[in-house]
Amino acid sequence: MREHKKSEELAVQRFQLISPLLAEGLDAGKVKELRDQIAKASGFSERTIRRYLARFQEDGFGGLKPQGRKGARKSEAISPHLLEQAILLRKEVPSRSVAQIIQILEWEGLAEPGQIKRSTLQEKLTEKGYSTRHMRLYSQTGVAARRFQKRHRNQLWQSDIKYGPYLPIGPNGMKKQVYLVAFIDDATRFVLHAAFYPTLDSRIIEDAFRQAIQKYGVPEAVYFDNGKQYRTKWMSRTCSKISTRLTYTRPYSAESKGKIERFNRIIDSFINEAVIEKPNTIDRLNELFQVWLTECYQNKPHSALGEKISPETAFRSDKKAIRFIDPDT
């Protein structure tokens, strides 16, 4: 136990040493300058610092621990795929407990009830650098956002449904509620498709997803609400056909919707204006919404993107190639 604690403390020290080198956008010259500064201040050789950085980039926090003795006891096996899913769940909500992660994996059908022991998963997360303590450390050193937010467009899309205003579109002009479906790019905050729909069923999700893909290409992964509109055979089949990884939030919880939830709160300002305008049709509501979206969100500087950078500028200036698919797919 004492040896494990000492190993953990040493890894923390090594991480704090190399953390300045983990910032995004550093060119080779700046990296060398920082490495020289770290070496001079710490007394470690530049070669040692390079080795620590390489270990962290390859194996995460666990790579910074001293190499263990051969033949040391190994924890019970968790498949690489299952561990990857557990790490993704911890990344999505760093405050999630190990028990919650196991429960979600069981809910998702990825693990049988009782298959994963808390102690085993905790040990594996610690080895990979995703324990609760590590998450706090990353946050304190400013690495958290860089470590978990996607770097490029179309690496991850989020989507959600928001209840909209009431319009006189029912029988005999009866007022009926409409619903907004939005797809947003994780890295750039760019809205790929957003529109109000007259019904609340899976067809509105299918339509919005198709339109987003037709306009902006195929995402590597999608992250959806756990509602029945998203959890369909159509969505599973479509994501499989286009090689898109499909993930869901924790059932009945809004704790990890993140960026799409913040966008939905911004939409409240439009809905307040729309109520004053009193559109009589859903087409008119969507016309007003698209104008508002372009002027008040897509082309407006976003606090998460840096000074004077708008979601549209961030998306269109990204160098990552966009992958389109055959319309008949």
Protein backbone atom coordinates (compact mmCIF):
# COMPACT_ATOMS: atom_id res chain seq x y z
CA MET A 1 0.00 0.00 0.00
CA ARG A 2 2.82 2.38 0.94
CA GLU A 3 4.66 1.53 -2.30
CA HIS A 4 1.52 2.24 -4.35
CA LYS A 5 1.05 5.63 -2.66
CA LYS A 6 4.68 6.55 -3.28
CA SER A 7 4.35 5.56 -6.94
CA GLU A 8 1.21 7.67 -7.27
CA GLU A 9 2.86 10.72 -5.70
CA LEU A 10 5.85 10.40 -8.00
CA ALA A 11 3.56 10.27 -11.04
CA VAL A 12 1.75 13.41 -9.84
CA GLN A 13 5.08 15.24 -9.56
CA ARG A 14 6.07 14.14 -13.06
CA PHE A 15 2.72 15.24 -14.47
CA GLN A 16 3.02 18.68 -12.89
CA LEU A 17 6.50 18.91 -14.36
CA ILE A 18 5.38 18.31 -17.96
CA SER A 19 1.94 19.98 -17.83
CA PRO A 20 3.13 23.21 -19.57
CA LEU A 21 4.07 21.04 -22.57
CA LEU A 22 0.50 19.73 -22.94
CA ALA A 23 -0.99 23.00 -24.14
CA GLU A 24 -2.44 22.96 -27.64
CA GLY A 25 -0.97 25.00 -30.48
CA LEU A 26 2.67 24.92 -29.35
CA ASP A 27 5.13 24.94 -32.22
CA ALA A 28 8.45 23.08 -32.08
CA GLY A 29 10.36 26.19 -31.05
CA LYS A 30 8.03 26.95 -28.14
CA VAL A 31 8.14 23.31 -26.98
CA LYS A 32 11.94 23.38 -26.91
CA GLU A 33 11.91 26.71 -25.05
CA LEU A 34 9.52 25.34 -22.41
CA ARG A 35 11.50 22.10 -22.13
CA ASP A 36 14.69 24.08 -21.50
CA GLN A 37 12.96 26.18 -18.85
CA ILE A 38 11.59 23.08 -17.10
CA ALA A 39 14.99 21.38 -17.20
CA LYS A 40 16.72 24.43 -15.75
CA ALA A 41 14.14 24.91 -12.99
CA SER A 42 13.85 21.24 -12.02
CA GLY A 43 17.38 19.97 -12.50
CA PHE A 44 16.16 17.12 -14.72
CA SER A 45 17.81 16.52 -18.07
CA GLU A 46 15.96 17.46 -21.25
CA ARG A 47 16.08 13.80 -22.24
CA THR A 48 14.26 12.80 -19.04
CA ILE A 49 11.55 15.39 -19.64
CA ARG A 50 11.09 14.14 -23.21
CA ARG A 51 10.76 10.60 -21.87
CA TYR A 52 8.10 11.60 -19.32
CA LEU A 53 6.13 13.44 -22.02
CA ALA A 54 6.30 10.48 -24.39
CA ARG A 55 5.12 8.10 -21.66
CA PHE A 56 2.17 10.34 -20.80
CA GLN A 57 1.14 10.73 -24.44
CA GLU A 58 1.31 6.97 -24.97
CA ASP A 59 -0.11 5.57 -21.71
CA GLY A 60 -1.69 8.51 -19.91
CA PHE A 61 -1.08 9.11 -16.20
CA GLY A 62 -0.13 5.47 -15.63
CA GLY A 63 2.85 5.90 -17.93
CA LEU A 64 4.38 8.35 -15.45
CA LYS A 65 4.55 5.80 -12.65
CA PRO A 66 7.81 3.95 -11.99
CA GLN A 67 7.97 0.65 -13.86
CA GLY A 68 6.66 -2.11 -11.60
CA ARG A 69 8.41 -5.37 -10.85
CA LYS A 70 7.93 -8.20 -13.27
CA GLY A 71 5.51 -10.78 -12.02
CA ALA A 72 3.60 -8.29 -9.93
CA ARG A 73 -0.03 -9.18 -9.31
CA LYS A 74 -2.37 -8.14 -12.09
CA SER A 75 -5.93 -7.06 -11.51
CA GLU A 76 -8.81 -9.04 -12.91
CA ALA A 77 -9.17 -8.53 -16.63
CA ILE A 78 -11.50 -5.92 -18.08
CA SER A 79 -11.65 -6.03 -21.86
CA PRO A 80 -9.98 -3.09 -23.65
CA HIS A 81 -13.34 -2.14 -25.21
CA LEU A 82 -15.11 -2.08 -21.84
CA LEU A 83 -12.32 -0.04 -20.27
CA GLU A 84 -12.48 2.40 -23.18
CA GLN A 85 -16.22 2.87 -22.59
CA ALA A 86 -15.60 3.44 -18.87
CA ILE A 87 -12.96 6.07 -19.65
CA LEU A 88 -15.33 7.83 -22.06
CA LEU A 89 -17.98 7.97 -19.34
CA ARG A 90 -15.48 9.47 -16.89
CA LYS A 91 -14.38 12.01 -19.51
CA GLU A 92 -17.97 13.03 -20.25
CA VAL A 93 -18.65 13.76 -16.56
CA PRO A 94 -15.43 13.80 -14.49
CA SER A 95 -17.42 13.72 -11.24
CA ARG A 96 -19.05 10.36 -12.04
CA SER A 97 -18.30 7.74 -9.42
CA VAL A 98 -17.01 4.27 -10.29
CA ALA A 99 -20.35 2.84 -9.13
CA GLN A 100 -22.23 5.14 -11.52
CA ILE A 101 -19.95 4.19 -14.41
CA ILE A 102 -20.55 0.49 -13.77
CA GLN A 103 -24.30 1.09 -13.54
CA ILE A 104 -24.34 2.90 -16.89
CA LEU A 105 -22.31 0.15 -18.56
CA GLU A 106 -24.86 -2.35 -17.27
CA TRP A 107 -27.79 -0.19 -18.38
CA GLU A 108 -26.25 0.08 -21.85
CA GLY A 109 -25.93 -3.70 -22.04
CA LEU A 110 -22.15 -3.48 -22.35
CA ALA A 111 -21.58 -5.43 -19.15
CA GLU A 112 -23.54 -8.09 -17.32
CA PRO A 113 -24.81 -7.18 -13.82
CA GLY A 114 -22.04 -7.97 -11.34
CA GLN A 115 -19.46 -8.54 -14.09
CA ILE A 116 -17.29 -5.56 -13.13
CA LYS A 117 -16.00 -5.11 -9.59
CA ARG A 118 -15.62 -1.57 -8.29
CA SER A 119 -12.09 -2.19 -7.03
CA THR A 120 -11.00 -3.61 -10.39
CA LEU A 121 -12.37 -0.72 -12.43
CA GLN A 122 -10.99 1.82 -9.96
CA GLU A 123 -7.55 0.27 -10.32
CA LYS A 124 -7.73 0.30 -14.11
CA LEU A 125 -8.92 3.92 -14.23
CA THR A 126 -6.08 4.89 -11.91
CA GLU A 127 -3.54 3.09 -14.11
CA LYS A 128 -4.78 5.01 -17.15
CA GLY A 129 -4.89 8.34 -15.35
CA TYR A 130 -8.65 8.74 -14.93
CA SER A 131 -9.21 8.38 -11.19
CA THR A 132 -11.16 11.08 -9.33
CA ARG A 133 -7.88 12.45 -8.03
CA HIS A 134 -6.43 12.66 -11.54
CA MET A 135 -9.48 14.53 -12.81
CA ARG A 136 -9.05 17.13 -10.06
CA LEU A 137 -5.36 17.40 -10.90
CA TYR A 138 -6.06 17.97 -14.60
CA SER A 139 -8.60 20.64 -13.70
CA GLN A 140 -6.21 22.43 -11.33
CA THR A 141 -3.40 22.49 -13.92
CA GLY A 142 -5.68 23.71 -16.71
CA VAL A 143 -5.34 20.54 -18.77
CA ALA A 144 -8.92 19.29 -18.39
CA ALA A 145 -10.56 21.20 -21.22
CA ARG A 146 -7.71 20.49 -23.63
CA ARG A 147 -7.70 16.82 -22.65
CA PHE A 148 -11.42 16.15 -23.05
CA GLN A 149 -12.83 18.57 -25.60
CA LYS A 150 -12.58 17.36 -29.16
CA ARG A 151 -9.93 19.17 -31.19
CA HIS A 152 -11.45 19.04 -34.66
CA ARG A 153 -14.80 19.45 -36.38
CA ASN A 154 -16.95 16.37 -36.89
CA GLN A 155 -15.13 14.33 -34.25
CA LEU A 156 -18.22 14.49 -32.03
CA TRP A 157 -21.75 15.82 -32.46
CA GLN A 158 -24.27 16.37 -29.68
CA SER A 159 -28.02 16.64 -30.07
CA ASP A 160 -31.08 17.32 -27.96
CA ILE A 161 -34.77 18.21 -28.18
CA LYS A 162 -36.08 21.46 -26.68
CA TYR A 163 -39.73 22.25 -26.12
CA GLY A 164 -40.70 25.33 -28.12
CA PRO A 165 -43.59 27.82 -28.18
CA TYR A 166 -47.24 27.17 -28.99
CA LEU A 167 -48.46 27.99 -32.50
CA PRO A 168 -52.02 28.03 -33.95
CA ILE A 169 -51.32 25.03 -36.18
CA GLY A 170 -53.75 22.50 -34.72
CA PRO A 171 -57.28 21.70 -35.92
CA ASN A 172 -59.40 24.87 -36.23
CA GLY A 173 -56.41 27.01 -35.33
CA MET A 174 -55.94 25.37 -31.95
CA LYS A 175 -52.58 26.16 -30.39
CA LYS A 176 -50.09 23.30 -30.48
CA GLN A 177 -46.58 23.09 -29.05
CA VAL A 178 -43.62 22.71 -31.41
CA TYR A 179 -40.20 21.20 -30.74
CA LEU A 180 -36.66 22.24 -31.60
CA VAL A 181 -34.10 19.63 -32.64
CA ALA A 182 -30.48 20.78 -32.73
CA PHE A 183 -27.22 19.12 -33.71
CA ILE A 184 -24.05 20.89 -32.53
CA ASP A 185 -20.37 20.22 -33.21
CA ASP A 186 -18.41 19.60 -30.00
CA ALA A 187 -15.11 21.19 -31.01
CA THR A 188 -16.38 24.34 -32.72
CA ARG A 189 -19.86 24.81 -31.13
CA PHE A 190 -21.16 25.23 -34.69
CA VAL A 191 -24.84 24.36 -35.15
CA LEU A 192 -24.98 21.80 -37.95
CA HIS A 193 -28.76 21.74 -38.12
CA ALA A 194 -31.50 23.16 -35.95
CA ALA A 195 -35.20 23.54 -36.71
CA PHE A 196 -38.62 23.46 -35.10
CA TYR A 197 -40.89 20.48 -35.80
CA PRO A 198 -44.63 19.95 -35.19
CA THR A 199 -44.35 16.48 -33.63
CA LEU A 200 -42.31 14.79 -30.91
CA ASP A 201 -41.21 11.45 -32.35
CA SER A 202 -38.17 9.73 -33.84
CA ARG A 203 -38.90 11.06 -37.34
CA ILE A 204 -37.83 14.57 -36.40
CA ILE A 205 -34.47 13.23 -35.20
CA GLU A 206 -34.01 11.24 -38.40
CA ASP A 207 -34.75 14.30 -40.54
CA ALA A 208 -32.43 16.58 -38.56
CA PHE A 209 -29.59 14.02 -38.59
CA ARG A 210 -29.93 13.50 -42.36
CA GLN A 211 -29.85 17.23 -43.04
CA ALA A 212 -26.82 17.80 -40.83
CA ILE A 213 -24.91 15.00 -42.60
CA GLN A 214 -25.91 16.21 -46.07
CA LYS A 215 -24.66 19.72 -45.30
CA TYR A 216 -21.58 19.08 -43.18
CA GLY A 217 -20.47 15.47 -43.60
CA VAL A 218 -20.33 12.45 -41.33
CA PRO A 219 -19.32 12.67 -37.64
CA GLU A 220 -16.88 10.21 -36.10
CA ALA A 221 -19.16 9.94 -33.05
CA VAL A 222 -22.51 11.20 -31.78
CA TYR A 223 -23.63 11.76 -28.20
CA PHE A 224 -27.37 11.73 -27.62
CA ASP A 225 -30.01 12.12 -24.99
CA ASN A 226 -31.28 8.81 -23.69
CA GLY A 227 -34.86 9.52 -24.80
CA LYS A 228 -36.81 7.12 -26.99
CA GLN A 229 -36.60 9.46 -29.99
CA TYR A 230 -32.84 8.81 -30.19
CA ARG A 231 -32.69 5.23 -28.98
CA THR A 232 -34.08 3.57 -32.11
CA LYS A 233 -33.17 0.75 -34.46
CA TRP A 234 -32.95 3.30 -37.27
CA MET A 235 -30.30 5.29 -35.41
CA SER A 236 -28.27 2.19 -34.52
CA ARG A 237 -28.43 0.90 -38.08
CA THR A 238 -27.60 4.29 -39.63
CA CYS A 239 -24.61 4.92 -37.38
CA SER A 240 -23.28 1.44 -38.12
CA LYS A 241 -23.62 1.96 -41.88
CA ILE A 242 -21.78 5.30 -41.85
CA SER A 243 -19.15 4.15 -39.30
CA THR A 244 -20.22 6.62 -36.62
CA ARG A 245 -19.81 5.71 -32.95
CA LEU A 246 -23.13 5.97 -31.09
CA THR A 247 -23.16 6.92 -27.38
CA TYR A 248 -25.88 8.04 -24.97
CA THR A 249 -26.11 10.05 -21.77
CA ARG A 250 -26.94 8.43 -18.47
CA PRO A 251 -30.64 7.44 -18.47
CA TYR A 252 -33.01 10.06 -17.01
CA SER A 253 -30.20 12.47 -16.24
CA ALA A 254 -29.30 15.81 -17.82
CA GLU A 255 -25.99 16.03 -15.95
CA SER A 256 -23.80 15.29 -18.98
CA LYS A 257 -25.51 16.97 -21.92
CA GLY A 258 -22.98 19.75 -21.58
CA LYS A 259 -22.64 21.98 -24.59
CA ILE A 260 -26.02 21.25 -26.16
CA GLU A 261 -27.73 22.13 -22.87
CA ARG A 262 -25.93 25.48 -22.77
CA PHE A 263 -26.97 26.12 -26.37
CA ASN A 264 -30.57 25.33 -25.46
CA ARG A 265 -30.46 28.00 -22.76
CA ILE A 266 -29.31 30.51 -25.38
CA ILE A 267 -32.32 29.53 -27.49
CA ASP A 268 -34.59 30.83 -24.72
CA SER A 269 -33.79 34.38 -25.82
CA PHE A 270 -35.06 33.61 -29.33
CA ILE A 271 -38.24 31.98 -28.02
CA ASN A 272 -38.96 35.09 -25.95
CA GLU A 273 -38.64 37.22 -29.10
CA ALA A 274 -40.73 34.79 -31.16
CA VAL A 275 -43.60 35.05 -28.68
CA ILE A 276 -43.69 38.81 -29.31
CA GLU A 277 -43.52 38.33 -33.10
CA LYS A 278 -46.43 35.83 -32.97
CA PRO A 279 -45.68 33.67 -36.04
CA ASN A 280 -48.75 31.79 -37.28
CA THR A 281 -46.98 28.91 -39.04
CA ILE A 282 -44.03 26.68 -38.28
CA ASP A 283 -42.41 27.76 -41.56
CA ARG A 284 -42.50 31.40 -40.43
CA LEU A 285 -41.10 30.43 -37.03
CA ASN A 286 -38.20 28.61 -38.70
CA GLU A 287 -37.54 31.58 -41.00
CA LEU A 288 -37.22 33.86 -38.00
CA PHE A 289 -35.11 31.29 -36.17
CA GLN A 290 -32.59 30.87 -39.00
CA VAL A 291 -32.06 34.64 -39.19
CA TRP A 292 -31.59 34.81 -35.42
CA LEU A 293 -29.27 31.77 -35.41
CA THR A 294 -27.01 33.26 -38.09
CA GLU A 295 -26.80 36.72 -36.55
CA CYS A 296 -26.91 35.97 -32.84
CA TYR A 297 -25.03 32.67 -32.55
CA GLN A 298 -23.20 31.22 -35.56
CA ASN A 299 -21.30 34.41 -36.37
CA LYS A 300 -20.95 35.77 -32.86
CA PRO A 301 -17.67 35.29 -30.89
CA HIS A 302 -17.99 32.33 -28.52
CA SER A 303 -16.32 32.44 -25.10
CA ALA A 304 -15.18 28.82 -25.37
CA LEU A 305 -13.36 29.39 -28.68
CA GLY A 306 -11.07 32.27 -27.84
CA GLU A 307 -11.28 35.99 -28.51
CA LYS A 308 -13.20 37.02 -31.64
CA ILE A 309 -13.74 33.46 -32.87
CA SER A 310 -17.27 32.50 -33.87
CA PRO A 311 -18.62 28.95 -34.23
CA GLU A 312 -18.91 29.30 -38.01
CA THR A 313 -15.37 30.65 -38.35
CA ALA A 314 -14.03 27.85 -36.15
CA PHE A 315 -15.85 25.17 -38.15
CA ARG A 316 -14.97 26.45 -41.62
CA SER A 317 -11.32 27.19 -40.79
CA ASP A 318 -10.68 23.71 -39.36
CA LYS A 319 -8.21 21.82 -41.54
CA LYS A 320 -9.70 18.40 -40.81
CA ALA A 321 -11.17 16.94 -44.01
CA ILE A 322 -14.93 16.44 -44.14
CA ARG A 323 -16.15 12.96 -45.04
CA PHE A 324 -19.31 12.88 -47.13
CA ILE A 325 -21.29 9.78 -48.05
CA ASP A 326 -23.29 8.63 -51.05
CA PRO A 327 -26.85 10.03 -50.73
CA ASP A 328 -28.19 6.53 -51.38
CA THR A 329 -26.38 5.06 -48.36
